[in-house]
Amino acid sequence: MTTTPLATTDTDLMLRISGLNVYYGQSHILRNVDLSVPQGKMVCLIGRNGVGKTTMLKTIVGLLAPKSGTIELGGIPITQSPTDRRARMGIGYVPQGRDIIPRLTVEENLILGCEARPTGRTGKEKILPEIFELFPVLETMLGRMGGDLSGGQQQQLSIARALMGKPQLLLLDEPTEGIQPSIILEIEAAVRRIIEKTGISVLLVEQHLHFVRQADYYYAMQKGGIVASGSTKELNNSIIQEFLAV
């Protein structure tokens, strides 16, 4: 496997991870991981189930503490920063399973996303107009409980809620899981529009090949380490079979 540098200078990077090692108890999950996300680009992290992809995202957002290694956001070290501080520095996180709040309305879920802004919530926040441009179905459901939405609608709400925090870096953990194909295409298109319109950077964990190919670059994980990386244009059948096939 070849590994191609994804950016040439530190100023090109929104996220830089170096020598990251993460454990669950005595189990060594992430092993000397180096990974970067250029500004305004989408990077996809691929690999079979259980190789450490979700652990990677949880470590970036601060839910897990690394034993060694460094994480930088826009050139600023955040390895020791708490989760709330990382959110307000510009990391938006959409976890696997969506994690919307079922007993809050769609509007309330969206406004809750403002907690991640540098100033927190002031009580005067309004839903950003671009949210409805990206996910028009949400505008028709503002008063509906989050738990009453379909899986695809909940996923759109989860992404929209993260965007309400105005992040610089958006982490998406398998956003197409359990969603019907037509909604997958809508989410793919929305993520690309987010990048094009806002210049946001995206780190995507995904198994759906069509979505993987929407990314600019990929990293492939195996047994907790990065074993290949490069442009998604270089993704050939052997890489796909090794890292995406069930």
C-alpha atoms as a PDB file:
ATOM      1  CA  MET A   1       0.000   0.000   0.000  1.00  0.00           C
ATOM      2  CA  THR A   2       1.189   3.514  -0.798  1.00  0.00           C
ATOM      3  CA  THR A   3       0.781   6.475   1.498  1.00  0.00           C
ATOM      4  CA  THR A   4       0.489   9.894  -0.134  1.00  0.00           C
ATOM      5  CA  PRO A   5       0.940  13.131   1.859  1.00  0.00           C
ATOM      6  CA  LEU A   6      -2.364  14.975   2.132  1.00  0.00           C
ATOM      7  CA  ALA A   7      -0.990  18.486   2.667  1.00  0.00           C
ATOM      8  CA  THR A   8       2.404  20.065   2.173  1.00  0.00           C
ATOM      9  CA  THR A   9       2.488  22.688   4.920  1.00  0.00           C
ATOM     10  CA  ASP A  10       1.062  23.044   8.411  1.00  0.00           C
ATOM     11  CA  THR A  11      -0.884  26.146   7.320  1.00  0.00           C
ATOM     12  CA  ASP A  12      -2.912  23.902   4.964  1.00  0.00           C
ATOM     13  CA  LEU A  13      -4.198  21.814   7.843  1.00  0.00           C
ATOM     14  CA  MET A  14      -7.343  22.132   9.930  1.00  0.00           C
ATOM     15  CA  LEU A  15      -6.583  18.954  11.891  1.00  0.00           C
ATOM     16  CA  ARG A  16      -3.233  17.321  12.553  1.00  0.00           C
ATOM     17  CA  ILE A  17      -2.780  14.136  14.570  1.00  0.00           C
ATOM     18  CA  SER A  18       0.695  12.795  15.329  1.00  0.00           C
ATOM     19  CA  GLY A  19       1.777   9.564  17.025  1.00  0.00           C
ATOM     20  CA  LEU A  20      -1.608   8.956  18.651  1.00  0.00           C
ATOM     21  CA  ASN A  21      -1.933   5.955  20.977  1.00  0.00           C
ATOM     22  CA  VAL A  22      -5.210   5.197  22.736  1.00  0.00           C
ATOM     23  CA  TYR A  23      -6.099   2.366  25.112  1.00  0.00           C
ATOM     24  CA  TYR A  24      -9.289   0.883  26.534  1.00  0.00           C
ATOM     25  CA  GLY A  25      -7.985  -0.479  29.817  1.00  0.00           C
ATOM     26  CA  GLN A  26      -5.104  -2.726  28.800  1.00  0.00           C
ATOM     27  CA  SER A  27      -6.247  -2.998  25.157  1.00  0.00           C
ATOM     28  CA  HIS A  28      -4.187  -0.948  22.716  1.00  0.00           C
ATOM     29  CA  ILE A  29      -6.785   0.434  20.253  1.00  0.00           C
ATOM     30  CA  LEU A  30      -5.077   3.212  18.260  1.00  0.00           C
ATOM     31  CA  ARG A  31      -1.441   2.598  17.393  1.00  0.00           C
ATOM     32  CA  ASN A  32       0.885   5.478  16.471  1.00  0.00           C
ATOM     33  CA  VAL A  33      -1.696   7.141  14.256  1.00  0.00           C
ATOM     34  CA  ASP A  34      -0.711  10.067  12.030  1.00  0.00           C
ATOM     35  CA  LEU A  35      -3.591  11.762  10.208  1.00  0.00           C
ATOM     36  CA  SER A  36      -4.378  15.195   8.831  1.00  0.00           C
ATOM     37  CA  VAL A  37      -7.389  17.010   7.389  1.00  0.00           C
ATOM     38  CA  PRO A  38      -6.645  19.929   5.048  1.00  0.00           C
ATOM     39  CA  GLN A  39      -8.699  23.094   5.318  1.00  0.00           C
ATOM     40  CA  GLY A  40     -11.880  23.010   3.264  1.00  0.00           C
ATOM     41  CA  LYS A  41     -11.521  19.343   2.330  1.00  0.00           C
ATOM     42  CA  MET A  42     -13.287  16.090   3.162  1.00  0.00           C
ATOM     43  CA  VAL A  43     -11.194  13.176   4.380  1.00  0.00           C
ATOM     44  CA  CYS A  44     -12.719   9.721   4.754  1.00  0.00           C
ATOM     45  CA  LEU A  45     -11.496   7.162   7.272  1.00  0.00           C
ATOM     46  CA  ILE A  46     -12.236   3.632   6.053  1.00  0.00           C
ATOM     47  CA  GLY A  47     -11.755   0.184   7.508  1.00  0.00           C
ATOM     48  CA  ARG A  48     -13.677  -2.842   8.673  1.00  0.00           C
ATOM     49  CA  ASN A  49     -15.681  -2.846  11.885  1.00  0.00           C
ATOM     50  CA  GLY A  50     -13.644  -2.806  15.091  1.00  0.00           C
ATOM     51  CA  VAL A  51     -10.404  -1.332  13.726  1.00  0.00           C
ATOM     52  CA  GLY A  52     -10.641   1.895  15.765  1.00  0.00           C
ATOM     53  CA  LYS A  53     -12.437   4.415  13.554  1.00  0.00           C
ATOM     54  CA  THR A  54     -15.011   5.512  16.136  1.00  0.00           C
ATOM     55  CA  THR A  55     -12.305   5.556  18.806  1.00  0.00           C
ATOM     56  CA  MET A  56     -10.416   7.999  16.591  1.00  0.00           C
ATOM     57  CA  LEU A  57     -13.339  10.416  16.407  1.00  0.00           C
ATOM     58  CA  LYS A  58     -14.064  10.156  20.135  1.00  0.00           C
ATOM     59  CA  THR A  59     -10.425  10.946  20.866  1.00  0.00           C
ATOM     60  CA  ILE A  60     -10.443  13.972  18.556  1.00  0.00           C
ATOM     61  CA  VAL A  61     -13.547  15.373  20.236  1.00  0.00           C
ATOM     62  CA  GLY A  62     -12.148  14.697  23.720  1.00  0.00           C
ATOM     63  CA  LEU A  63     -14.344  11.832  24.921  1.00  0.00           C
ATOM     64  CA  LEU A  64     -11.274   9.597  25.194  1.00  0.00           C
ATOM     65  CA  ALA A  65      -7.811  10.590  26.410  1.00  0.00           C
ATOM     66  CA  PRO A  66      -4.764   9.380  24.472  1.00  0.00           C
ATOM     67  CA  LYS A  67      -1.861   7.779  26.281  1.00  0.00           C
ATOM     68  CA  SER A  68       0.536   9.549  23.925  1.00  0.00           C
ATOM     69  CA  GLY A  69       0.534  11.665  20.792  1.00  0.00           C
ATOM     70  CA  THR A  70      -0.744  15.122  19.870  1.00  0.00           C
ATOM     71  CA  ILE A  71      -3.855  16.657  18.320  1.00  0.00           C
ATOM     72  CA  GLU A  72      -3.846  20.138  16.785  1.00  0.00           C
ATOM     73  CA  LEU A  73      -6.799  22.140  15.487  1.00  0.00           C
ATOM     74  CA  GLY A  74      -5.793  24.921  13.146  1.00  0.00           C
ATOM     75  CA  GLY A  75      -2.255  24.698  14.516  1.00  0.00           C
ATOM     76  CA  ILE A  76      -3.387  24.995  18.153  1.00  0.00           C
ATOM     77  CA  PRO A  77      -2.648  22.028  20.475  1.00  0.00           C
ATOM     78  CA  ILE A  78      -5.876  20.613  21.929  1.00  0.00           C
ATOM     79  CA  THR A  79      -4.663  17.252  23.265  1.00  0.00           C
ATOM     80  CA  GLN A  80      -5.292  18.321  26.870  1.00  0.00           C
ATOM     81  CA  SER A  81      -8.411  20.422  26.207  1.00  0.00           C
ATOM     82  CA  PRO A  82     -11.766  19.250  27.633  1.00  0.00           C
ATOM     83  CA  THR A  83     -14.593  18.284  25.297  1.00  0.00           C
ATOM     84  CA  ASP A  84     -16.599  21.481  25.755  1.00  0.00           C
ATOM     85  CA  ARG A  85     -13.540  23.595  25.017  1.00  0.00           C
ATOM     86  CA  ARG A  86     -12.883  21.655  21.800  1.00  0.00           C
ATOM     87  CA  ALA A  87     -16.492  22.154  20.706  1.00  0.00           C
ATOM     88  CA  ARG A  88     -16.223  25.905  21.235  1.00  0.00           C
ATOM     89  CA  MET A  89     -12.932  25.973  19.370  1.00  0.00           C
ATOM     90  CA  GLY A  90     -14.786  24.660  16.333  1.00  0.00           C
ATOM     91  CA  ILE A  91     -15.196  20.865  16.388  1.00  0.00           C
ATOM     92  CA  GLY A  92     -18.667  19.626  15.488  1.00  0.00           C
ATOM     93  CA  TYR A  93     -19.430  15.954  16.143  1.00  0.00           C
ATOM     94  CA  VAL A  94     -22.203  13.784  14.733  1.00  0.00           C
ATOM     95  CA  PRO A  95     -21.903  10.424  16.504  1.00  0.00           C
ATOM     96  CA  GLN A  96     -22.892   7.030  15.190  1.00  0.00           C
ATOM     97  CA  GLY A  97     -26.571   6.477  15.967  1.00  0.00           C
ATOM     98  CA  ARG A  98     -27.386  10.207  15.597  1.00  0.00           C
ATOM     99  CA  ASP A  99     -27.990  10.880  19.320  1.00  0.00           C
ATOM    100  CA  ILE A 100     -30.682  13.514  18.864  1.00  0.00           C
ATOM    101  CA  ILE A 101     -32.827  14.264  21.930  1.00  0.00           C
ATOM    102  CA  PRO A 102     -36.173  12.537  21.295  1.00  0.00           C
ATOM    103  CA  ARG A 103     -38.244  14.542  23.814  1.00  0.00           C
ATOM    104  CA  LEU A 104     -37.192  17.906  22.354  1.00  0.00           C
ATOM    105  CA  THR A 105     -38.713  19.343  19.186  1.00  0.00           C
ATOM    106  CA  VAL A 106     -36.726  19.694  15.994  1.00  0.00           C
ATOM    107  CA  GLU A 107     -36.391  23.416  16.676  1.00  0.00           C
ATOM    108  CA  GLU A 108     -35.215  22.825  20.245  1.00  0.00           C
ATOM    109  CA  ASN A 109     -32.656  20.277  19.069  1.00  0.00           C
ATOM    110  CA  LEU A 110     -31.322  22.763  16.539  1.00  0.00           C
ATOM    111  CA  ILE A 111     -31.067  25.641  19.010  1.00  0.00           C
ATOM    112  CA  LEU A 112     -29.260  23.320  21.424  1.00  0.00           C
ATOM    113  CA  GLY A 113     -26.457  23.139  18.865  1.00  0.00           C
ATOM    114  CA  CYS A 114     -25.649  26.786  19.621  1.00  0.00           C
ATOM    115  CA  GLU A 115     -24.072  25.651  22.908  1.00  0.00           C
ATOM    116  CA  ALA A 116     -20.963  24.823  20.871  1.00  0.00           C
ATOM    117  CA  ARG A 117     -20.430  28.404  19.722  1.00  0.00           C
ATOM    118  CA  PRO A 118     -17.507  30.279  21.314  1.00  0.00           C
ATOM    119  CA  THR A 119     -19.933  32.464  23.294  1.00  0.00           C
ATOM    120  CA  GLY A 120     -22.302  29.613  24.150  1.00  0.00           C
ATOM    121  CA  ARG A 121     -26.040  30.335  24.048  1.00  0.00           C
ATOM    122  CA  THR A 122     -27.380  33.843  24.622  1.00  0.00           C
ATOM    123  CA  GLY A 123     -31.082  32.994  24.367  1.00  0.00           C
ATOM    124  CA  LYS A 124     -31.494  35.024  21.174  1.00  0.00           C
ATOM    125  CA  GLU A 125     -30.319  32.435  18.672  1.00  0.00           C
ATOM    126  CA  LYS A 126     -32.267  31.773  15.502  1.00  0.00           C
ATOM    127  CA  ILE A 127     -31.941  28.893  13.112  1.00  0.00           C
ATOM    128  CA  LEU A 128     -29.408  29.655  10.401  1.00  0.00           C
ATOM    129  CA  PRO A 129     -31.054  30.112   6.959  1.00  0.00           C
ATOM    130  CA  GLU A 130     -28.585  27.713   5.348  1.00  0.00           C
ATOM    131  CA  ILE A 131     -29.883  24.894   7.561  1.00  0.00           C
ATOM    132  CA  PHE A 132     -33.168  24.878   5.638  1.00  0.00           C
ATOM    133  CA  GLU A 133     -31.347  25.262   2.330  1.00  0.00           C
ATOM    134  CA  LEU A 134     -29.373  22.103   3.111  1.00  0.00           C
ATOM    135  CA  PHE A 135     -32.201  20.162   4.783  1.00  0.00           C
ATOM    136  CA  PRO A 136     -35.557  21.618   3.645  1.00  0.00           C
ATOM    137  CA  VAL A 137     -37.549  18.821   5.299  1.00  0.00           C
ATOM    138  CA  LEU A 138     -36.572  20.149   8.741  1.00  0.00           C
ATOM    139  CA  GLU A 139     -38.345  23.473   8.132  1.00  0.00           C
ATOM    140  CA  THR A 140     -41.645  21.608   7.833  1.00  0.00           C
ATOM    141  CA  MET A 141     -41.078  19.716  11.098  1.00  0.00           C
ATOM    142  CA  LEU A 142     -39.889  22.346  13.568  1.00  0.00           C
ATOM    143  CA  GLY A 143     -42.606  21.554  16.097  1.00  0.00           C
ATOM    144  CA  ARG A 144     -42.331  17.781  15.819  1.00  0.00           C
ATOM    145  CA  MET A 145     -40.561  15.756  18.505  1.00  0.00           C
ATOM    146  CA  GLY A 146     -37.136  14.516  17.461  1.00  0.00           C
ATOM    147  CA  GLY A 147     -38.073  10.978  18.408  1.00  0.00           C
ATOM    148  CA  ASP A 148     -40.975  11.005  15.921  1.00  0.00           C
ATOM    149  CA  LEU A 149     -38.716  11.560  12.908  1.00  0.00           C
ATOM    150  CA  SER A 150     -37.587   8.787  10.579  1.00  0.00           C
ATOM    151  CA  GLY A 151     -33.977   7.592  10.749  1.00  0.00           C
ATOM    152  CA  GLY A 152     -33.005   9.663   7.733  1.00  0.00           C
ATOM    153  CA  GLN A 153     -34.686  12.772   9.108  1.00  0.00           C
ATOM    154  CA  GLN A 154     -32.968  12.284  12.468  1.00  0.00           C
ATOM    155  CA  GLN A 155     -29.614  12.053  10.710  1.00  0.00           C
ATOM    156  CA  GLN A 156     -30.279  15.297   8.873  1.00  0.00           C
ATOM    157  CA  LEU A 157     -31.278  16.887  12.184  1.00  0.00           C
ATOM    158  CA  SER A 158     -28.108  15.635  13.856  1.00  0.00           C
ATOM    159  CA  ILE A 159     -25.898  17.133  11.145  1.00  0.00           C
ATOM    160  CA  ALA A 160     -27.892  20.374  11.153  1.00  0.00           C
ATOM    161  CA  ARG A 161     -27.592  20.630  14.947  1.00  0.00           C
ATOM    162  CA  ALA A 162     -23.803  20.312  14.678  1.00  0.00           C
ATOM    163  CA  LEU A 163     -23.763  23.039  12.013  1.00  0.00           C
ATOM    164  CA  MET A 164     -25.667  25.385  14.340  1.00  0.00           C
ATOM    165  CA  GLY A 165     -22.459  25.538  16.401  1.00  0.00           C
ATOM    166  CA  LYS A 166     -20.664  27.029  13.359  1.00  0.00           C
ATOM    167  CA  PRO A 167     -17.796  24.499  13.449  1.00  0.00           C
ATOM    168  CA  GLN A 168     -14.538  24.656  11.533  1.00  0.00           C
ATOM    169  CA  LEU A 169     -14.194  20.864  11.537  1.00  0.00           C
ATOM    170  CA  LEU A 170     -17.125  18.456  11.254  1.00  0.00           C
ATOM    171  CA  LEU A 171     -16.720  14.832  12.399  1.00  0.00           C
ATOM    172  CA  LEU A 172     -19.269  12.397  10.925  1.00  0.00           C
ATOM    173  CA  ASP A 173     -19.432   8.814  12.203  1.00  0.00           C
ATOM    174  CA  GLU A 174     -21.150   6.557   9.621  1.00  0.00           C
ATOM    175  CA  PRO A 175     -23.953   9.012   8.777  1.00  0.00           C
ATOM    176  CA  THR A 176     -25.543   6.621   6.249  1.00  0.00           C
ATOM    177  CA  GLU A 177     -25.941   3.692   8.638  1.00  0.00           C
ATOM    178  CA  GLY A 178     -29.496   2.308   8.539  1.00  0.00           C
ATOM    179  CA  ILE A 179     -30.745   4.964   6.102  1.00  0.00           C
ATOM    180  CA  GLN A 180     -32.617   4.382   2.847  1.00  0.00           C
ATOM    181  CA  PRO A 181     -30.636   4.981  -0.377  1.00  0.00           C
ATOM    182  CA  SER A 182     -32.512   8.114  -1.501  1.00  0.00           C
ATOM    183  CA  ILE A 183     -31.765   9.876   1.801  1.00  0.00           C
ATOM    184  CA  ILE A 184     -28.117   8.772   1.633  1.00  0.00           C
ATOM    185  CA  LEU A 185     -27.771  10.681  -1.645  1.00  0.00           C
ATOM    186  CA  GLU A 186     -29.379  13.763  -0.074  1.00  0.00           C
ATOM    187  CA  ILE A 187     -26.952  13.649   2.856  1.00  0.00           C
ATOM    188  CA  GLU A 188     -23.965  13.183   0.533  1.00  0.00           C
ATOM    189  CA  ALA A 189     -25.023  16.209  -1.518  1.00  0.00           C
ATOM    190  CA  ALA A 190     -25.628  18.285   1.613  1.00  0.00           C
ATOM    191  CA  VAL A 191     -22.167  17.535   3.010  1.00  0.00           C
ATOM    192  CA  ARG A 192     -20.507  18.523  -0.272  1.00  0.00           C
ATOM    193  CA  ARG A 193     -22.525  21.777  -0.320  1.00  0.00           C
ATOM    194  CA  ILE A 194     -21.514  22.491   3.274  1.00  0.00           C
ATOM    195  CA  ILE A 195     -17.850  22.258   2.301  1.00  0.00           C
ATOM    196  CA  GLU A 196     -18.251  24.301  -0.879  1.00  0.00           C
ATOM    197  CA  LYS A 197     -20.281  27.100   0.743  1.00  0.00           C
ATOM    198  CA  THR A 198     -18.607  27.411   4.147  1.00  0.00           C
ATOM    199  CA  GLY A 199     -15.067  26.101   3.617  1.00  0.00           C
ATOM    200  CA  ILE A 200     -15.583  23.758   6.569  1.00  0.00           C
ATOM    201  CA  SER A 201     -13.348  20.684   6.859  1.00  0.00           C
ATOM    202  CA  VAL A 202     -14.887  17.220   7.250  1.00  0.00           C
ATOM    203  CA  LEU A 203     -13.553  13.959   8.666  1.00  0.00           C
ATOM    204  CA  LEU A 204     -15.924  11.186   7.669  1.00  0.00           C
ATOM    205  CA  VAL A 205     -16.076   7.585   8.897  1.00  0.00           C
ATOM    206  CA  GLU A 206     -18.064   5.663   6.316  1.00  0.00           C
ATOM    207  CA  GLN A 207     -18.600   2.252   4.720  1.00  0.00           C
ATOM    208  CA  HIS A 208     -20.878   3.329   1.867  1.00  0.00           C
ATOM    209  CA  LEU A 209     -18.625   3.358  -1.196  1.00  0.00           C
ATOM    210  CA  HIS A 210     -20.465   6.080  -3.101  1.00  0.00           C
ATOM    211  CA  PHE A 211     -20.132   8.432  -0.121  1.00  0.00           C
ATOM    212  CA  VAL A 212     -16.479   7.483   0.378  1.00  0.00           C
ATOM    213  CA  ARG A 213     -15.782   8.591  -3.183  1.00  0.00           C
ATOM    214  CA  GLN A 214     -17.234  12.045  -2.436  1.00  0.00           C
ATOM    215  CA  ALA A 215     -14.241  12.691  -0.167  1.00  0.00           C
ATOM    216  CA  ASP A 216     -11.051  14.308  -1.415  1.00  0.00           C
ATOM    217  CA  TYR A 217      -8.717  11.959   0.455  1.00  0.00           C
ATOM    218  CA  TYR A 218      -8.897   8.698   2.365  1.00  0.00           C
ATOM    219  CA  TYR A 219      -7.079   6.928   5.171  1.00  0.00           C
ATOM    220  CA  ALA A 220      -7.407   3.177   5.618  1.00  0.00           C
ATOM    221  CA  MET A 221      -7.197   1.654   9.093  1.00  0.00           C
ATOM    222  CA  GLN A 222      -6.279  -1.881  10.093  1.00  0.00           C
ATOM    223  CA  LYS A 223      -5.732  -3.158  13.656  1.00  0.00           C
ATOM    224  CA  GLY A 224      -5.707   0.385  15.023  1.00  0.00           C
ATOM    225  CA  GLY A 225      -3.106   1.788  12.640  1.00  0.00           C
ATOM    226  CA  ILE A 226      -3.102   3.695   9.365  1.00  0.00           C
ATOM    227  CA  VAL A 227      -1.937   1.366   6.601  1.00  0.00           C
ATOM    228  CA  ALA A 228      -2.759   3.373   3.460  1.00  0.00           C
ATOM    229  CA  SER A 229      -3.795   6.873   2.432  1.00  0.00           C
ATOM    230  CA  GLY A 230      -4.107   9.065  -0.606  1.00  0.00           C
ATOM    231  CA  SER A 231      -6.528  10.690  -3.016  1.00  0.00           C
ATOM    232  CA  THR A 232      -9.896   8.943  -3.342  1.00  0.00           C
ATOM    233  CA  LYS A 233      -9.174   8.939  -7.077  1.00  0.00           C
ATOM    234  CA  GLU A 234      -6.571   6.271  -6.237  1.00  0.00           C
ATOM    235  CA  LEU A 235      -9.109   3.954  -4.599  1.00  0.00           C
ATOM    236  CA  ASN A 236      -8.955   0.770  -6.629  1.00  0.00           C
ATOM    237  CA  ASN A 237     -10.761  -2.543  -6.292  1.00  0.00           C
ATOM    238  CA  SER A 238      -8.039  -4.167  -4.187  1.00  0.00           C
ATOM    239  CA  ILE A 239      -8.177  -1.382  -1.582  1.00  0.00           C
ATOM    240  CA  ILE A 240     -11.978  -1.450  -1.599  1.00  0.00           C
ATOM    241  CA  GLN A 241     -12.075  -5.223  -1.109  1.00  0.00           C
ATOM    242  CA  GLU A 242      -9.536  -5.101   1.699  1.00  0.00           C
ATOM    243  CA  PHE A 243     -10.978  -2.229   3.695  1.00  0.00           C
ATOM    244  CA  LEU A 244     -14.658  -1.874   2.755  1.00  0.00           C
ATOM    245  CA  ALA A 245     -15.957  -5.308   1.776  1.00  0.00           C
ATOM    246  CA  VAL A 246     -17.822  -7.155   4.525  1.00  0.00           C
END
